């Protein structure tokens, strides 16, 4: 009997060791794949920054000192010639700073940046399978963090009234792990702006509403933010706009009107079952148009 108990104890110990080894191996695998994913994204961010620096250098004005010296050298009595109208050359379209990223993966619909936060990621769009990148990184490798995903019913070309981007609420703060910091109005005050780089242009947004919600049952007759993509009528627009303003945790003071477009960021929240934390921003303009690169 004692030998039997001793044998069982040894078996349980061995099983426990195997579980620990397997668990450790899995954690190591996740760590390595996450590190690979971040290295890939860092390379893409560096590439984008390189394009920006090149554009800044190209747009730098010539030294004003030479112009001033030439002006001073002119004799005072020289008659002023009649002014002539010189046609201004059409400026060359800017290069898209994220063109390398778009070319690296055709599933990338845009690149999202929320200045001074960790949100600086590609946004993937796969209408054939919306969840393809749910647990895959930019290069399609398995990843617990997954990628930011543009909802299947949203579209950047042509652009729908509302672009909904989903992202994991990671404990590390990655992806949309820090999105719920917007629950504090002071945080919103310092992070109002959002930037979305598409293939064709750079769009700017300003946060208009911040609220908690959830994924409801199909039969629930309630406002479902995740079902709003296009407002073809004033009534459709008002239903979305009035509801997000009513749900907002605080008044941002930002308003919108029929014809405006929105960017909606959504991540998991735990205040209720299937909870969501949502930040909605209103498009404020198109800051740059980019030259074709395909």
Foldseek 3Di string as FASTA:
>chain_A
DVVVVVVVVVVVVVVVVVVVVVVVVVVVVQVVVVVVLVVVLVVLVVQLVVLVVVVVVVPDDDDCVVVVVVVVPDDPPDDDDDDDDDDDDDDDAGARSRPVLCVVDVQFFKWKDQPPAQRTFTEGEDLVDQCQQVQAGSVSHGHPFGGWYWDSLAHVVVGAQETEIEGELDCVRPTPVPVVVVLDVVVLVVGQKMWIGGQWFIWIWGWFAKAKDFDDDPPDPDDDQVVDTHDPDQVSVCVNQVVRCVGGSDGPVDDDGPPKGKYKYWYADDPDVRMIIIIMIITDDTPGTHDHDD
